Amino acid sequence: MGVLVGNAIADIAGLYAAHGGWLRDWLRRQTRCPQRAADLAQDTFCRLLERRPALPDDAKRYLATVARRLLIDDIRAREVERAYLDVLGDRYGTADHLTPERITEAVQLLDGILRLLDTLPAMTRQAFMLRRLEGMSHADIATALGLSDRTVKRYIAAAYAHCYALAYGEA
């Protein structure tokens, strides 16, 4: 990490001028969508503003790491959305039968689920999402997160308990 800078916003603006173009280009190649790439690049620099009082020594590597993590989060959120719309399609028929009201209802429910998941501690949420969305085994999650199998099981159980308590109002 670099030394603490006096005017972080100006320094980050300089980073944006120096690295924003290649970051957007890299994200555009990853997403194949210029609008998503621009949003993710902006989110990357917002993260830097939120979390870094000092500039990183290797700014390009740091920005790429943050952008990669945001891209993974974005892909996972889209997978959740796609899975939920598939369930809605099964419940209400094909996409032709999805009315704007049903789509709004689904988006609101999905938003509620994501807000609920955001209340979990980061590692618990990550273990839970890997299990539920990726279908990974406890052992695979333990390896991916550098945790013991027992800790992964405890995190997933805690996530289920948390979801149940929030859904049914029980502690």
Protein backbone atom coordinates (compact mmCIF):
# COMPACT_ATOMS: atom_id res chain seq x y z
CA MET A 1 0.00 0.00 0.00
CA GLY A 2 1.29 3.47 -0.81
CA VAL A 3 1.70 6.38 1.52
CA LEU A 4 -1.30 8.32 2.79
CA VAL A 5 -2.14 11.13 0.37
CA GLY A 6 -3.44 14.57 1.20
CA ASN A 7 -6.18 14.83 -1.39
CA ALA A 8 -7.48 11.32 -2.03
CA ILE A 9 -10.19 12.43 -4.44
CA ALA A 10 -7.72 14.27 -6.66
CA ASP A 11 -5.37 11.29 -6.57
CA ILE A 12 -8.17 8.90 -7.49
CA ALA A 13 -9.23 11.25 -10.28
CA GLY A 14 -5.66 10.96 -11.55
CA LEU A 15 -5.89 7.18 -11.36
CA TYR A 16 -9.17 7.33 -13.24
CA ALA A 17 -7.59 9.45 -15.97
CA ALA A 18 -4.60 7.13 -16.17
CA HIS A 19 -6.35 3.76 -15.89
CA GLY A 20 -10.08 4.25 -16.52
CA GLY A 21 -9.86 3.62 -20.25
CA TRP A 22 -8.08 0.27 -20.13
CA LEU A 23 -10.30 -0.83 -17.23
CA ARG A 24 -13.49 -0.07 -19.21
CA ASP A 25 -12.01 -1.81 -22.27
CA TRP A 26 -11.09 -4.90 -20.21
CA LEU A 27 -14.54 -5.02 -18.61
CA ARG A 28 -16.20 -4.51 -22.03
CA ARG A 29 -14.36 -7.58 -23.32
CA GLN A 30 -15.44 -9.56 -20.23
CA THR A 31 -19.09 -8.49 -20.26
CA ARG A 32 -19.62 -7.85 -23.98
CA CYS A 33 -21.75 -4.91 -22.86
CA PRO A 34 -20.40 -1.34 -22.88
CA GLN A 35 -23.01 -0.14 -20.37
CA ARG A 36 -22.24 -2.89 -17.83
CA ALA A 37 -18.53 -2.30 -18.36
CA ALA A 38 -18.94 1.42 -17.64
CA ASP A 39 -21.02 0.68 -14.52
CA LEU A 40 -18.49 -1.83 -13.21
CA ALA A 41 -15.57 0.52 -13.90
CA GLN A 42 -17.36 3.28 -12.01
CA ASP A 43 -18.08 0.89 -9.13
CA THR A 44 -14.39 -0.05 -9.06
CA PHE A 45 -13.33 3.55 -8.54
CA CYS A 46 -16.14 4.09 -6.01
CA ARG A 47 -14.72 1.18 -4.00
CA LEU A 48 -11.34 2.86 -4.07
CA LEU A 49 -12.91 6.07 -2.74
CA GLU A 50 -14.83 4.20 -0.03
CA ARG A 51 -12.09 1.94 1.26
CA ARG A 52 -8.67 3.36 0.48
CA PRO A 53 -7.20 6.39 2.21
CA ALA A 54 -3.86 5.51 0.57
CA LEU A 55 -3.15 4.79 -3.05
CA PRO A 56 -2.02 1.26 -3.86
CA ASP A 57 1.57 0.80 -5.02
CA ASP A 58 0.44 -1.12 -8.12
CA ALA A 59 -2.75 0.73 -9.05
CA LYS A 60 -3.44 -1.24 -12.21
CA ARG A 61 -3.24 -4.60 -10.43
CA TYR A 62 -5.39 -3.33 -7.57
CA LEU A 63 -8.05 -1.94 -9.94
CA ALA A 64 -8.08 -5.19 -11.92
CA THR A 65 -8.56 -7.20 -8.72
CA VAL A 66 -11.43 -5.01 -7.50
CA ALA A 67 -13.04 -5.02 -10.96
CA ARG A 68 -12.72 -8.81 -11.21
CA ARG A 69 -14.46 -9.23 -7.84
CA LEU A 70 -17.24 -6.83 -8.83
CA LEU A 71 -17.63 -8.71 -12.12
CA ILE A 72 -17.99 -12.00 -10.23
CA ASP A 73 -20.61 -10.43 -7.94
CA ASP A 74 -22.45 -9.10 -10.99
CA ILE A 75 -22.40 -12.49 -12.69
CA ARG A 76 -23.72 -14.19 -9.54
CA ALA A 77 -26.51 -11.64 -9.19
CA ARG A 78 -27.49 -12.22 -12.82
CA GLU A 79 -27.46 -15.99 -12.24
CA VAL A 80 -29.79 -15.55 -9.26
CA GLU A 81 -32.05 -13.36 -11.36
CA ARG A 82 -32.03 -15.86 -14.25
CA ALA A 83 -32.77 -18.77 -11.90
CA TYR A 84 -35.60 -16.86 -10.29
CA LEU A 85 -37.10 -15.96 -13.67
CA ASP A 86 -36.85 -19.63 -14.65
CA VAL A 87 -38.83 -20.54 -11.53
CA LEU A 88 -41.36 -17.86 -12.36
CA GLY A 89 -41.60 -19.25 -15.87
CA ASP A 90 -42.31 -22.70 -14.43
CA ARG A 91 -44.87 -21.25 -12.03
CA TYR A 92 -46.67 -18.91 -14.43
CA GLY A 93 -45.90 -20.49 -17.76
CA THR A 94 -43.59 -19.30 -20.48
CA ALA A 95 -42.08 -15.84 -20.64
CA ASP A 96 -44.96 -14.86 -22.94
CA HIS A 97 -47.27 -15.11 -19.92
CA LEU A 98 -45.13 -12.96 -17.66
CA THR A 99 -46.98 -9.70 -17.25
CA PRO A 100 -45.23 -6.51 -16.20
CA GLU A 101 -46.88 -6.92 -12.78
CA ARG A 102 -45.47 -10.43 -12.35
CA ILE A 103 -42.03 -9.29 -13.43
CA THR A 104 -42.19 -6.39 -10.96
CA GLU A 105 -43.28 -8.81 -8.23
CA ALA A 106 -40.37 -11.11 -9.07
CA VAL A 107 -37.85 -8.28 -9.09
CA GLN A 108 -39.14 -7.01 -5.73
CA LEU A 109 -38.92 -10.50 -4.24
CA LEU A 110 -35.43 -10.97 -5.65
CA ASP A 111 -34.40 -7.59 -4.24
CA GLY A 112 -35.72 -8.65 -0.83
CA ILE A 113 -33.75 -11.90 -1.00
CA LEU A 114 -30.56 -10.06 -1.92
CA ARG A 115 -31.09 -7.57 0.93
CA LEU A 116 -31.61 -10.50 3.30
CA LEU A 117 -28.38 -12.11 2.11
CA ASP A 118 -26.53 -8.82 2.54
CA THR A 119 -27.30 -8.97 6.29
CA LEU A 120 -25.16 -12.10 6.61
CA PRO A 121 -21.47 -11.85 7.48
CA ALA A 122 -19.37 -11.88 4.29
CA MET A 123 -17.86 -15.38 4.67
CA THR A 124 -21.19 -16.89 5.71
CA ARG A 125 -22.89 -15.29 2.70
CA GLN A 126 -20.16 -16.45 0.35
CA ALA A 127 -20.28 -20.05 1.61
CA PHE A 128 -24.08 -20.06 1.40
CA MET A 129 -24.09 -18.64 -2.14
CA LEU A 130 -21.48 -21.12 -3.34
CA ARG A 131 -23.59 -23.96 -1.93
CA ARG A 132 -26.99 -22.77 -3.15
CA LEU A 133 -26.10 -21.09 -6.46
CA GLU A 134 -23.05 -22.99 -7.57
CA GLY A 135 -24.05 -26.33 -6.06
CA MET A 136 -20.58 -26.80 -4.61
CA SER A 137 -19.96 -29.44 -1.96
CA HIS A 138 -18.88 -28.46 1.55
CA ALA A 139 -15.40 -29.79 0.84
CA ASP A 140 -15.09 -27.77 -2.38
CA ILE A 141 -16.28 -24.62 -0.62
CA ALA A 142 -13.81 -25.23 2.21
CA THR A 143 -10.98 -25.51 -0.32
CA ALA A 144 -12.11 -22.44 -2.28
CA LEU A 145 -12.44 -20.26 0.81
CA GLY A 146 -9.49 -21.69 2.74
CA LEU A 147 -11.70 -22.89 5.60
CA SER A 148 -12.26 -26.19 7.33
CA ASP A 149 -15.17 -28.36 6.25
CA ARG A 150 -16.68 -27.99 9.72
CA THR A 151 -16.55 -24.18 9.51
CA VAL A 152 -18.25 -24.25 6.10
CA LYS A 153 -21.03 -26.44 7.49
CA ARG A 154 -21.42 -24.08 10.44
CA TYR A 155 -21.59 -21.03 8.14
CA ILE A 156 -24.19 -22.62 5.88
CA ALA A 157 -26.30 -23.74 8.84
CA ALA A 158 -26.08 -20.22 10.27
CA ALA A 159 -27.19 -18.77 6.93
CA TYR A 160 -30.20 -21.08 6.80
CA ALA A 161 -31.10 -20.22 10.40
CA HIS A 162 -30.76 -16.51 9.66
CA CYS A 163 -32.95 -16.76 6.56
CA TYR A 164 -35.56 -18.76 8.46
CA ALA A 165 -35.61 -16.27 11.33
CA LEU A 166 -36.03 -13.33 8.96
CA ALA A 167 -38.68 -15.08 6.89
CA TYR A 168 -40.75 -16.35 9.81
CA GLY A 169 -39.87 -13.81 12.49
CA GLU A 170 -38.34 -16.33 14.87
CA ALA A 171 -35.00 -16.05 16.59
